[in-house]
Amino acid sequence: MKLATFQYQQRTLVGVALNDTHLLPLDALPVCASMQSLIAAGSAGLAAIREYLAVAAEPRQMIPVEAVTWLPPVTSPGKICGVAMNNSASNARKISAPEHPAFFLKPASSLVAHQQPVLIREYYGSVHPEPELACVIGRTAREIAPERALDYVFGYTIFDDITGNGMRAQDRFHYYALYPKADNPAELERVEQHLSYAARYKGSDTFSAMGPWLVTADDIADPDNLDVSCKVGGELVAEDSTRYYNFKVAEVLSFISHFLTLHPGDVIAMGTAFKPSATRKSIHHANLQVVPGPIEIEISGLGRQISPVSVQKGGLGRWQLKRSD
């Protein structure tokens, strides 16, 4: 089932796609007051939709997709987790890396919908797209076994983890961390480290494009075998598959749930599909400051996400207080 959240005639609606051109609004169902309420209802909510479809799919109720303003399928998730360097194509670049999924958080304020512009400010520096499969959690999950982890998934969607390499470099620390010595915990030792915090370069406004569809889990037989492609300005920059993830979807969900309780509506982006062919540029060449959009991402069974790119000229505004000499 392909679900969506959208605006039509000044109303925010949840709808289901019955074909490629029209949506059926589900506002007649109280459980579909929002995507969040539908997710919280679980299998009972989906059963209500199926029953409604059996009696209410009349042509006069359809809304053309060209007439809607898309919203992210889940407009206000409690948290968005992104998995770092989960693609085996990145393994050759690793100097050292953990033997488990490494993840970071993105704010809900970074979300932007299908066909809505990704905003790039000139002072961000280099910015590129990262096409990813994302899971939307269907029920509360804590310390779940990997064998059962997919049971907690409500559905899947396309996610673009926009990344500002320029800001990552600006926010890098090269410093000495202090740790208790292994042979004498009463004393501290200095360990040289490189570190960059992800808040700006992963979480700026519009740095999380999601949608258009939220496809229910029963329609995706194997999330670990989905083809992914990404074009920027019409040029193919990534042609990959989720089967090349280092950690399977179930493993990622299980691992994260041992540290963060996952709630219905939470979004987990599984890592970038960026493997280029020998004759193509990679997404790392697709600096959105200079390479024109749109960004187009396709994933098997999940449709196509299109994001125009808007670059705003000008420097960073004044943010420091005036200081006296």
C-alpha atoms as a PDB file:
ATOM      1  CA  MET A   1       0.000   0.000   0.000  1.00  0.00           C
ATOM      2  CA  LYS A   2       1.416   3.389  -1.048  1.00  0.00           C
ATOM      3  CA  LEU A   3       0.469   6.089   1.430  1.00  0.00           C
ATOM      4  CA  ALA A   4       1.177   9.806   1.371  1.00  0.00           C
ATOM      5  CA  THR A   5       0.649  12.996   3.344  1.00  0.00           C
ATOM      6  CA  PHE A   6      -0.255  16.059   1.297  1.00  0.00           C
ATOM      7  CA  GLN A   7      -2.123  19.351   1.186  1.00  0.00           C
ATOM      8  CA  TYR A   8      -5.124  19.867  -1.045  1.00  0.00           C
ATOM      9  CA  GLN A   9      -7.477  22.851  -1.026  1.00  0.00           C
ATOM     10  CA  GLN A  10      -5.914  24.122   2.227  1.00  0.00           C
ATOM     11  CA  ARG A  11      -6.396  20.792   4.000  1.00  0.00           C
ATOM     12  CA  THR A  12      -3.728  18.376   5.190  1.00  0.00           C
ATOM     13  CA  LEU A  13      -4.721  14.850   4.223  1.00  0.00           C
ATOM     14  CA  VAL A  14      -3.499  11.273   4.298  1.00  0.00           C
ATOM     15  CA  GLY A  15      -4.168   9.397   1.086  1.00  0.00           C
ATOM     16  CA  VAL A  16      -3.511   6.129  -0.683  1.00  0.00           C
ATOM     17  CA  ALA A  17      -2.380   5.697  -4.283  1.00  0.00           C
ATOM     18  CA  LEU A  18      -4.608   3.477  -6.368  1.00  0.00           C
ATOM     19  CA  ASN A  19      -2.614   4.167  -9.542  1.00  0.00           C
ATOM     20  CA  ASP A  20       0.264   6.368 -10.709  1.00  0.00           C
ATOM     21  CA  THR A  21      -1.856   9.452 -11.310  1.00  0.00           C
ATOM     22  CA  HIS A  22      -4.446   9.769  -8.544  1.00  0.00           C
ATOM     23  CA  LEU A  23      -4.731   9.703  -4.765  1.00  0.00           C
ATOM     24  CA  LEU A  24      -7.731   8.661  -2.725  1.00  0.00           C
ATOM     25  CA  PRO A  25      -8.047  10.822   0.408  1.00  0.00           C
ATOM     26  CA  LEU A  26      -8.717   8.911   3.609  1.00  0.00           C
ATOM     27  CA  ASP A  27     -10.207  11.733   5.672  1.00  0.00           C
ATOM     28  CA  ALA A  28     -13.437   9.739   6.098  1.00  0.00           C
ATOM     29  CA  LEU A  29     -11.520   7.396   8.386  1.00  0.00           C
ATOM     30  CA  PRO A  30     -10.841   8.835  11.872  1.00  0.00           C
ATOM     31  CA  VAL A  31      -7.750   6.627  12.150  1.00  0.00           C
ATOM     32  CA  CYS A  32      -6.265   8.518   9.181  1.00  0.00           C
ATOM     33  CA  ALA A  33      -6.496  11.971  10.732  1.00  0.00           C
ATOM     34  CA  SER A  34      -2.698  11.979  10.363  1.00  0.00           C
ATOM     35  CA  MET A  35      -0.031   9.542   9.289  1.00  0.00           C
ATOM     36  CA  GLN A  36       1.132   9.418  12.896  1.00  0.00           C
ATOM     37  CA  SER A  37      -2.303   8.287  14.092  1.00  0.00           C
ATOM     38  CA  LEU A  38      -2.454   5.674  11.336  1.00  0.00           C
ATOM     39  CA  ILE A  39       0.977   4.323  12.260  1.00  0.00           C
ATOM     40  CA  ALA A  40      -0.026   4.186  15.923  1.00  0.00           C
ATOM     41  CA  ALA A  41      -3.123   2.150  15.000  1.00  0.00           C
ATOM     42  CA  GLY A  42      -0.935  -0.498  13.385  1.00  0.00           C
ATOM     43  CA  SER A  43      -2.588  -3.429  11.642  1.00  0.00           C
ATOM     44  CA  ALA A  44      -6.060  -2.280  12.684  1.00  0.00           C
ATOM     45  CA  GLY A  45      -5.547   0.997  10.833  1.00  0.00           C
ATOM     46  CA  LEU A  46      -4.404  -0.750   7.659  1.00  0.00           C
ATOM     47  CA  ALA A  47      -7.362  -3.122   7.879  1.00  0.00           C
ATOM     48  CA  ALA A  48      -9.698  -0.127   8.087  1.00  0.00           C
ATOM     49  CA  ILE A  49      -8.162   1.293   4.896  1.00  0.00           C
ATOM     50  CA  ARG A  50      -8.548  -1.997   3.041  1.00  0.00           C
ATOM     51  CA  GLU A  51     -12.197  -2.214   4.076  1.00  0.00           C
ATOM     52  CA  TYR A  52     -12.736   1.377   2.963  1.00  0.00           C
ATOM     53  CA  LEU A  53     -11.096   0.740  -0.401  1.00  0.00           C
ATOM     54  CA  ALA A  54     -13.501  -2.111  -1.053  1.00  0.00           C
ATOM     55  CA  VAL A  55     -16.491   0.242  -0.982  1.00  0.00           C
ATOM     56  CA  ALA A  56     -15.239   3.804  -1.552  1.00  0.00           C
ATOM     57  CA  ALA A  57     -12.875   3.850  -4.512  1.00  0.00           C
ATOM     58  CA  GLU A  58     -15.136   5.961  -6.740  1.00  0.00           C
ATOM     59  CA  PRO A  59     -13.598   8.172  -9.476  1.00  0.00           C
ATOM     60  CA  ARG A  60     -15.194  11.343  -8.116  1.00  0.00           C
ATOM     61  CA  GLN A  61     -13.227  10.988  -4.900  1.00  0.00           C
ATOM     62  CA  MET A  62      -9.845  10.868  -6.593  1.00  0.00           C
ATOM     63  CA  ILE A  63      -7.322  13.725  -6.440  1.00  0.00           C
ATOM     64  CA  PRO A  64      -4.788  14.080  -9.289  1.00  0.00           C
ATOM     65  CA  VAL A  65      -1.236  13.943  -7.959  1.00  0.00           C
ATOM     66  CA  GLU A  66      -0.455  17.110  -9.956  1.00  0.00           C
ATOM     67  CA  ALA A  67      -2.994  19.004  -7.835  1.00  0.00           C
ATOM     68  CA  VAL A  68      -1.461  18.305  -4.416  1.00  0.00           C
ATOM     69  CA  THR A  69       1.332  19.869  -2.428  1.00  0.00           C
ATOM     70  CA  TRP A  70       3.404  17.033  -1.029  1.00  0.00           C
ATOM     71  CA  LEU A  71       4.418  16.844   2.616  1.00  0.00           C
ATOM     72  CA  PRO A  72       6.883  14.404   4.194  1.00  0.00           C
ATOM     73  CA  PRO A  73       4.965  11.150   4.782  1.00  0.00           C
ATOM     74  CA  VAL A  74       5.584  11.573   8.519  1.00  0.00           C
ATOM     75  CA  THR A  75       5.682  15.300   9.174  1.00  0.00           C
ATOM     76  CA  SER A  76       6.974  15.324  12.766  1.00  0.00           C
ATOM     77  CA  PRO A  77       8.860  12.148  13.681  1.00  0.00           C
ATOM     78  CA  GLY A  78      10.154  11.979  17.208  1.00  0.00           C
ATOM     79  CA  LYS A  79      13.627  11.300  15.832  1.00  0.00           C
ATOM     80  CA  ILE A  80      15.465  10.652  12.618  1.00  0.00           C
ATOM     81  CA  CYS A  81      18.486   8.354  12.828  1.00  0.00           C
ATOM     82  CA  GLY A  82      21.026   8.177  10.018  1.00  0.00           C
ATOM     83  CA  VAL A  83      23.533   5.350   9.653  1.00  0.00           C
ATOM     84  CA  ALA A  84      27.075   6.405   8.780  1.00  0.00           C
ATOM     85  CA  MET A  85      29.236   4.741   6.113  1.00  0.00           C
ATOM     86  CA  ASN A  86      27.071   1.641   5.845  1.00  0.00           C
ATOM     87  CA  ASN A  87      27.823   0.982   2.180  1.00  0.00           C
ATOM     88  CA  SER A  88      30.528  -1.551   1.349  1.00  0.00           C
ATOM     89  CA  ALA A  89      31.707   0.803  -1.418  1.00  0.00           C
ATOM     90  CA  SER A  90      33.083   3.040   1.342  1.00  0.00           C
ATOM     91  CA  ASN A  91      35.088   0.312   3.090  1.00  0.00           C
ATOM     92  CA  ALA A  92      38.258   0.921   1.089  1.00  0.00           C
ATOM     93  CA  ARG A  93      38.350   4.510   2.386  1.00  0.00           C
ATOM     94  CA  LYS A  94      38.201   3.534   6.044  1.00  0.00           C
ATOM     95  CA  ILE A  95      41.380   3.925   8.080  1.00  0.00           C
ATOM     96  CA  SER A  96      39.604   2.571  11.145  1.00  0.00           C
ATOM     97  CA  ALA A  97      35.936   1.970  11.833  1.00  0.00           C
ATOM     98  CA  PRO A  98      33.677   0.337  14.422  1.00  0.00           C
ATOM     99  CA  GLU A  99      32.412  -3.184  13.885  1.00  0.00           C
ATOM    100  CA  HIS A 100      28.826  -2.113  14.495  1.00  0.00           C
ATOM    101  CA  PRO A 101      26.468   0.446  12.918  1.00  0.00           C
ATOM    102  CA  ALA A 102      27.444   4.021  13.752  1.00  0.00           C
ATOM    103  CA  PHE A 103      24.524   6.444  13.702  1.00  0.00           C
ATOM    104  CA  PHE A 104      23.697  10.112  14.203  1.00  0.00           C
ATOM    105  CA  LEU A 105      20.495  12.104  14.759  1.00  0.00           C
ATOM    106  CA  LYS A 106      18.817  14.601  12.461  1.00  0.00           C
ATOM    107  CA  PRO A 107      16.113  17.047  13.602  1.00  0.00           C
ATOM    108  CA  ALA A 108      12.566  16.923  12.269  1.00  0.00           C
ATOM    109  CA  SER A 109      13.018  20.564  11.257  1.00  0.00           C
ATOM    110  CA  SER A 110      15.380  19.378   8.497  1.00  0.00           C
ATOM    111  CA  LEU A 111      12.563  17.552   6.672  1.00  0.00           C
ATOM    112  CA  VAL A 112      11.391  18.621   3.238  1.00  0.00           C
ATOM    113  CA  ALA A 113       8.918  16.915   0.921  1.00  0.00           C
ATOM    114  CA  HIS A 114       8.967  15.568  -2.612  1.00  0.00           C
ATOM    115  CA  GLN A 115       8.977  18.404  -5.168  1.00  0.00           C
ATOM    116  CA  GLN A 116       9.847  20.959  -2.491  1.00  0.00           C
ATOM    117  CA  PRO A 117      13.199  22.758  -2.878  1.00  0.00           C
ATOM    118  CA  VAL A 118      16.386  21.832  -1.075  1.00  0.00           C
ATOM    119  CA  LEU A 119      17.774  25.165   0.099  1.00  0.00           C
ATOM    120  CA  ILE A 120      21.525  25.638  -0.198  1.00  0.00           C
ATOM    121  CA  ARG A 121      23.039  28.823   1.199  1.00  0.00           C
ATOM    122  CA  GLU A 122      26.280  30.010  -0.328  1.00  0.00           C
ATOM    123  CA  TYR A 123      28.046  30.101   3.033  1.00  0.00           C
ATOM    124  CA  TYR A 124      27.411  26.370   3.579  1.00  0.00           C
ATOM    125  CA  GLY A 125      30.277  25.428   1.280  1.00  0.00           C
ATOM    126  CA  SER A 126      30.163  22.133  -0.610  1.00  0.00           C
ATOM    127  CA  VAL A 127      26.873  20.183  -0.300  1.00  0.00           C
ATOM    128  CA  HIS A 128      25.900  16.888  -1.945  1.00  0.00           C
ATOM    129  CA  PRO A 129      22.937  14.470  -1.886  1.00  0.00           C
ATOM    130  CA  GLU A 130      22.988  10.994  -0.340  1.00  0.00           C
ATOM    131  CA  PRO A 131      20.230   8.637  -1.591  1.00  0.00           C
ATOM    132  CA  GLU A 132      19.024   6.234   1.082  1.00  0.00           C
ATOM    133  CA  LEU A 133      16.380   3.706   2.030  1.00  0.00           C
ATOM    134  CA  ALA A 134      14.532   4.699   5.212  1.00  0.00           C
ATOM    135  CA  CYS A 135      12.345   2.684   7.572  1.00  0.00           C
ATOM    136  CA  VAL A 136       9.439   4.145   9.497  1.00  0.00           C
ATOM    137  CA  ILE A 137       8.929   2.448  12.854  1.00  0.00           C
ATOM    138  CA  GLY A 138       5.467   1.026  13.532  1.00  0.00           C
ATOM    139  CA  ARG A 139       5.570   0.196  17.226  1.00  0.00           C
ATOM    140  CA  THR A 140       7.700   0.835  20.268  1.00  0.00           C
ATOM    141  CA  ALA A 141      10.969  -1.061  20.084  1.00  0.00           C
ATOM    142  CA  ARG A 142      13.579  -1.534  22.789  1.00  0.00           C
ATOM    143  CA  GLU A 143      16.386  -4.125  22.764  1.00  0.00           C
ATOM    144  CA  ILE A 144      14.745  -6.101  19.967  1.00  0.00           C
ATOM    145  CA  ALA A 145      16.263  -9.255  18.518  1.00  0.00           C
ATOM    146  CA  PRO A 146      17.478  -8.906  14.920  1.00  0.00           C
ATOM    147  CA  GLU A 147      15.327 -11.880  13.871  1.00  0.00           C
ATOM    148  CA  ARG A 148      12.211  -9.909  14.884  1.00  0.00           C
ATOM    149  CA  ALA A 149      13.334  -6.408  14.011  1.00  0.00           C
ATOM    150  CA  LEU A 150      11.481  -6.134  10.691  1.00  0.00           C
ATOM    151  CA  ASP A 151       8.228  -6.838  12.549  1.00  0.00           C
ATOM    152  CA  TYR A 152       8.572  -3.344  14.035  1.00  0.00           C
ATOM    153  CA  VAL A 153       8.681  -1.614  10.633  1.00  0.00           C
ATOM    154  CA  PHE A 154       5.487   0.094   9.463  1.00  0.00           C
ATOM    155  CA  GLY A 155       6.852   0.953   6.050  1.00  0.00           C
ATOM    156  CA  TYR A 156       9.655   2.230   3.852  1.00  0.00           C
ATOM    157  CA  THR A 157      10.341   5.487   2.053  1.00  0.00           C
ATOM    158  CA  ILE A 158      12.993   7.319   0.047  1.00  0.00           C
ATOM    159  CA  PHE A 159      15.318   9.541   2.046  1.00  0.00           C
ATOM    160  CA  ASP A 160      17.920  12.034   0.840  1.00  0.00           C
ATOM    161  CA  ASP A 161      20.478  12.661   3.573  1.00  0.00           C
ATOM    162  CA  ILE A 162      21.755  15.994   2.260  1.00  0.00           C
ATOM    163  CA  THR A 163      25.301  16.479   3.549  1.00  0.00           C
ATOM    164  CA  GLY A 164      27.340  19.661   3.841  1.00  0.00           C
ATOM    165  CA  ASN A 165      30.974  18.639   3.473  1.00  0.00           C
ATOM    166  CA  GLY A 166      32.000  22.290   3.749  1.00  0.00           C
ATOM    167  CA  MET A 167      30.430  22.633   7.186  1.00  0.00           C
ATOM    168  CA  ARG A 168      31.800  19.253   8.266  1.00  0.00           C
ATOM    169  CA  ALA A 169      35.308  20.566   7.600  1.00  0.00           C
ATOM    170  CA  GLN A 170      34.581  23.858   9.377  1.00  0.00           C
ATOM    171  CA  ASP A 171      33.314  22.047  12.487  1.00  0.00           C
ATOM    172  CA  ARG A 172      36.221  19.624  12.758  1.00  0.00           C
ATOM    173  CA  PHE A 173      38.173  19.387  15.988  1.00  0.00           C
ATOM    174  CA  HIS A 174      41.703  17.990  16.139  1.00  0.00           C
ATOM    175  CA  TYR A 175      42.415  17.646  19.831  1.00  0.00           C
ATOM    176  CA  TYR A 176      43.541  15.450  22.704  1.00  0.00           C
ATOM    177  CA  ALA A 177      40.782  13.500  24.412  1.00  0.00           C
ATOM    178  CA  LEU A 178      41.359  12.461  28.016  1.00  0.00           C
ATOM    179  CA  TYR A 179      40.849   8.844  29.082  1.00  0.00           C
ATOM    180  CA  PRO A 180      41.720   6.868  32.230  1.00  0.00           C
ATOM    181  CA  LYS A 181      44.790   4.762  31.609  1.00  0.00           C
ATOM    182  CA  ALA A 182      44.090   1.072  31.132  1.00  0.00           C
ATOM    183  CA  ASP A 183      46.813   0.052  33.592  1.00  0.00           C
ATOM    184  CA  ASN A 184      46.109   2.845  36.072  1.00  0.00           C
ATOM    185  CA  PRO A 185      42.553   4.281  35.956  1.00  0.00           C
ATOM    186  CA  ALA A 186      43.481   6.894  38.535  1.00  0.00           C
ATOM    187  CA  GLU A 187      45.637   8.640  35.918  1.00  0.00           C
ATOM    188  CA  LEU A 188      44.555  10.212  32.646  1.00  0.00           C
ATOM    189  CA  GLU A 189      46.217   9.927  29.271  1.00  0.00           C
ATOM    190  CA  ARG A 190      45.836  12.136  26.213  1.00  0.00           C
ATOM    191  CA  VAL A 191      44.675  10.464  22.992  1.00  0.00           C
ATOM    192  CA  GLU A 192      44.852  12.373  19.716  1.00  0.00           C
ATOM    193  CA  GLN A 193      41.495  12.466  17.930  1.00  0.00           C
ATOM    194  CA  HIS A 194      39.703  14.031  14.952  1.00  0.00           C
ATOM    195  CA  LEU A 195      36.051  14.818  15.418  1.00  0.00           C
ATOM    196  CA  SER A 196      33.273  16.703  13.613  1.00  0.00           C
ATOM    197  CA  TYR A 197      29.774  17.159  14.976  1.00  0.00           C
ATOM    198  CA  ALA A 198      26.902  16.520  12.572  1.00  0.00           C
ATOM    199  CA  ALA A 199      24.316  19.102  13.680  1.00  0.00           C
ATOM    200  CA  ARG A 200      24.994  21.656  10.925  1.00  0.00           C
ATOM    201  CA  TYR A 201      26.284  19.524   8.093  1.00  0.00           C
ATOM    202  CA  LYS A 202      23.524  16.924   8.430  1.00  0.00           C
ATOM    203  CA  GLY A 203      20.707  18.816  10.141  1.00  0.00           C
ATOM    204  CA  SER A 204      20.323  22.202   8.467  1.00  0.00           C
ATOM    205  CA  ASP A 205      16.896  23.128   7.117  1.00  0.00           C
ATOM    206  CA  THR A 206      15.817  20.994   4.097  1.00  0.00           C
ATOM    207  CA  PHE A 207      18.729  18.574   4.586  1.00  0.00           C
ATOM    208  CA  SER A 208      16.314  15.603   4.890  1.00  0.00           C
ATOM    209  CA  ALA A 209      14.165  15.079   1.798  1.00  0.00           C
ATOM    210  CA  MET A 210      11.622  12.304   2.403  1.00  0.00           C
ATOM    211  CA  GLY A 211       8.888  10.727   0.296  1.00  0.00           C
ATOM    212  CA  PRO A 212       6.782  10.950  -1.704  1.00  0.00           C
ATOM    213  CA  TRP A 213       5.406   7.600  -0.586  1.00  0.00           C
ATOM    214  CA  LEU A 214       5.375   5.601   2.592  1.00  0.00           C
ATOM    215  CA  VAL A 215       5.049   2.040   1.289  1.00  0.00           C
ATOM    216  CA  THR A 216       3.759  -0.405   3.883  1.00  0.00           C
ATOM    217  CA  ALA A 217       6.128  -3.177   4.897  1.00  0.00           C
ATOM    218  CA  ASP A 218       3.931  -5.940   3.471  1.00  0.00           C
ATOM    219  CA  ASP A 219       4.594  -4.562  -0.036  1.00  0.00           C
ATOM    220  CA  ILE A 220       8.401  -4.777   0.301  1.00  0.00           C
ATOM    221  CA  ALA A 221       9.439  -8.412   0.294  1.00  0.00           C
ATOM    222  CA  ASP A 222      13.137  -7.814   0.998  1.00  0.00           C
ATOM    223  CA  PRO A 223      14.430  -4.375   2.046  1.00  0.00           C
ATOM    224  CA  ASP A 224      17.977  -5.726   1.716  1.00  0.00           C
ATOM    225  CA  ASN A 225      17.648  -6.171  -2.045  1.00  0.00           C
ATOM    226  CA  LEU A 226      16.354  -2.886  -3.492  1.00  0.00           C
ATOM    227  CA  ASP A 227      17.941  -1.058  -6.411  1.00  0.00           C
ATOM    228  CA  VAL A 228      18.776   2.608  -5.803  1.00  0.00           C
ATOM    229  CA  SER A 229      19.682   5.273  -8.321  1.00  0.00           C
ATOM    230  CA  CYS A 230      20.360   8.998  -8.064  1.00  0.00           C
ATOM    231  CA  LYS A 231      20.543  11.658 -10.758  1.00  0.00           C
ATOM    232  CA  VAL A 232      21.578  15.272 -10.308  1.00  0.00           C
ATOM    233  CA  GLY A 233      20.792  17.653 -13.138  1.00  0.00           C
ATOM    234  CA  GLY A 234      19.895  14.667 -15.296  1.00  0.00           C
ATOM    235  CA  GLU A 235      23.274  12.950 -14.820  1.00  0.00           C
ATOM    236  CA  LEU A 236      23.376   9.559 -13.140  1.00  0.00           C
ATOM    237  CA  VAL A 237      25.738   9.807 -10.152  1.00  0.00           C
ATOM    238  CA  ALA A 238      24.836   6.638  -8.222  1.00  0.00           C
ATOM    239  CA  GLU A 239      23.506   3.231  -9.245  1.00  0.00           C
ATOM    240  CA  ASP A 240      23.516   0.904  -6.294  1.00  0.00           C
ATOM    241  CA  SER A 241      21.559  -1.585  -4.192  1.00  0.00           C
ATOM    242  CA  THR A 242      20.698  -2.021  -0.528  1.00  0.00           C
ATOM    243  CA  ARG A 243      22.237  -5.493  -0.753  1.00  0.00           C
ATOM    244  CA  TYR A 244      25.624  -3.781  -0.483  1.00  0.00           C
ATOM    245  CA  TYR A 245      24.933  -2.411   2.975  1.00  0.00           C
ATOM    246  CA  ASN A 246      27.481  -3.609   5.522  1.00  0.00           C
ATOM    247  CA  PHE A 247      24.717  -4.100   8.077  1.00  0.00           C
ATOM    248  CA  LYS A 248      21.286  -5.381   7.122  1.00  0.00           C
ATOM    249  CA  VAL A 249      18.183  -3.378   7.926  1.00  0.00           C
ATOM    250  CA  ALA A 250      17.237  -5.723  10.783  1.00  0.00           C
ATOM    251  CA  GLU A 251      20.725  -5.479  12.289  1.00  0.00           C
ATOM    252  CA  VAL A 252      20.647  -1.682  12.221  1.00  0.00           C
ATOM    253  CA  LEU A 253      17.246  -1.530  13.906  1.00  0.00           C
ATOM    254  CA  SER A 254      18.243  -4.064  16.550  1.00  0.00           C
ATOM    255  CA  PHE A 255      21.512  -2.283  17.330  1.00  0.00           C
ATOM    256  CA  ILE A 256      19.962   1.179  17.624  1.00  0.00           C
ATOM    257  CA  SER A 257      17.169  -0.170  19.852  1.00  0.00           C
ATOM    258  CA  HIS A 258      19.757  -1.208  22.445  1.00  0.00           C
ATOM    259  CA  PHE A 259      20.572   2.477  22.989  1.00  0.00           C
ATOM    260  CA  LEU A 260      17.498   4.468  21.911  1.00  0.00           C
ATOM    261  CA  THR A 261      13.901   3.411  22.379  1.00  0.00           C
ATOM    262  CA  LEU A 262      12.267   3.568  18.955  1.00  0.00           C
ATOM    263  CA  HIS A 263       8.727   4.938  18.823  1.00  0.00           C
ATOM    264  CA  PRO A 264       6.009   4.772  16.168  1.00  0.00           C
ATOM    265  CA  GLY A 265       6.802   7.265  13.417  1.00  0.00           C
ATOM    266  CA  ASP A 266      10.546   7.375  14.049  1.00  0.00           C
ATOM    267  CA  VAL A 267      12.615   7.338  10.856  1.00  0.00           C
ATOM    268  CA  ILE A 268      15.802   5.313  10.356  1.00  0.00           C
ATOM    269  CA  ALA A 269      17.833   6.107   7.215  1.00  0.00           C
ATOM    270  CA  MET A 270      19.973   3.108   6.394  1.00  0.00           C
ATOM    271  CA  GLY A 271      23.012   4.659   4.737  1.00  0.00           C
ATOM    272  CA  THR A 272      24.046   6.064   1.408  1.00  0.00           C
ATOM    273  CA  ALA A 273      23.849   4.163  -1.852  1.00  0.00           C
ATOM    274  CA  PHE A 274      26.622   5.849  -3.808  1.00  0.00           C
ATOM    275  CA  LYS A 275      28.511   3.225  -5.780  1.00  0.00           C
ATOM    276  CA  PRO A 276      29.372   4.792  -9.168  1.00  0.00           C
ATOM    277  CA  SER A 277      30.213   2.856 -12.282  1.00  0.00           C
ATOM    278  CA  ALA A 278      33.666   3.105 -13.809  1.00  0.00           C
ATOM    279  CA  THR A 279      32.487   5.708 -16.314  1.00  0.00           C
ATOM    280  CA  ARG A 280      30.332   7.871 -14.071  1.00  0.00           C
ATOM    281  CA  LYS A 281      30.971  10.564 -11.512  1.00  0.00           C
ATOM    282  CA  SER A 282      29.941   9.861  -7.925  1.00  0.00           C
ATOM    283  CA  ILE A 283      27.598  11.838  -5.712  1.00  0.00           C
ATOM    284  CA  HIS A 284      30.676  13.446  -4.166  1.00  0.00           C
ATOM    285  CA  HIS A 285      31.176  15.317  -7.445  1.00  0.00           C
ATOM    286  CA  ALA A 286      27.595  16.580  -7.303  1.00  0.00           C
ATOM    287  CA  ASN A 287      28.265  19.749  -5.313  1.00  0.00           C
ATOM    288  CA  LEU A 288      24.850  21.397  -5.263  1.00  0.00           C
ATOM    289  CA  GLN A 289      26.482  24.831  -5.031  1.00  0.00           C
ATOM    290  CA  VAL A 290      27.587  24.520  -8.648  1.00  0.00           C
ATOM    291  CA  VAL A 291      25.797  21.481 -10.146  1.00  0.00           C
ATOM    292  CA  PRO A 292      22.192  22.378 -10.963  1.00  0.00           C
ATOM    293  CA  GLY A 293      19.308  20.247  -9.754  1.00  0.00           C
ATOM    294  CA  PRO A 294      16.951  18.619  -9.639  1.00  0.00           C
ATOM    295  CA  ILE A 295      17.935  15.654  -7.502  1.00  0.00           C
ATOM    296  CA  GLU A 296      16.087  12.514  -8.589  1.00  0.00           C
ATOM    297  CA  ILE A 297      16.192   9.361  -6.461  1.00  0.00           C
ATOM    298  CA  GLU A 298      14.521   6.069  -7.345  1.00  0.00           C
ATOM    299  CA  ILE A 299      14.293   2.948  -5.178  1.00  0.00           C
ATOM    300  CA  SER A 300      12.657  -0.308  -6.248  1.00  0.00           C
ATOM    301  CA  GLY A 301       9.030  -0.391  -5.125  1.00  0.00           C
ATOM    302  CA  LEU A 302       9.190   3.037  -3.483  1.00  0.00           C
ATOM    303  CA  GLY A 303       8.842   5.309  -6.515  1.00  0.00           C
ATOM    304  CA  ARG A 304      10.796   8.413  -7.391  1.00  0.00           C
ATOM    305  CA  GLN A 305      11.634  11.470  -5.318  1.00  0.00           C
ATOM    306  CA  ILE A 306      12.350  14.749  -7.108  1.00  0.00           C
ATOM    307  CA  SER A 307      13.901  17.703  -5.298  1.00  0.00           C
ATOM    308  CA  PRO A 308      14.609  21.026  -7.014  1.00  0.00           C
ATOM    309  CA  VAL A 309      17.660  22.861  -5.673  1.00  0.00           C
ATOM    310  CA  SER A 310      17.679  26.543  -4.713  1.00  0.00           C
ATOM    311  CA  VAL A 311      21.031  28.233  -4.043  1.00  0.00           C
ATOM    312  CA  GLN A 312      20.892  31.498  -2.102  1.00  0.00           C
ATOM    313  CA  LYS A 313      23.803  33.863  -2.477  1.00  0.00           C
ATOM    314  CA  GLY A 314      25.296  35.870   0.371  1.00  0.00           C
ATOM    315  CA  GLY A 315      27.405  35.380   3.451  1.00  0.00           C
ATOM    316  CA  LEU A 316      26.551  34.302   6.966  1.00  0.00           C
ATOM    317  CA  GLY A 317      24.603  36.966   8.816  1.00  0.00           C
ATOM    318  CA  ARG A 318      25.877  38.639  11.960  1.00  0.00           C
ATOM    319  CA  TRP A 319      25.628  36.281  14.917  1.00  0.00           C
ATOM    320  CA  GLN A 320      28.227  37.585  17.385  1.00  0.00           C
ATOM    321  CA  LEU A 321      27.556  40.257  19.928  1.00  0.00           C
ATOM    322  CA  LYS A 322      29.434  43.487  19.488  1.00  0.00           C
ATOM    323  CA  ARG A 323      32.399  43.588  21.828  1.00  0.00           C
ATOM    324  CA  SER A 324      34.134  46.569  23.299  1.00  0.00           C
ATOM    325  CA  ASP A 325      37.916  46.806  22.929  1.00  0.00           C
END
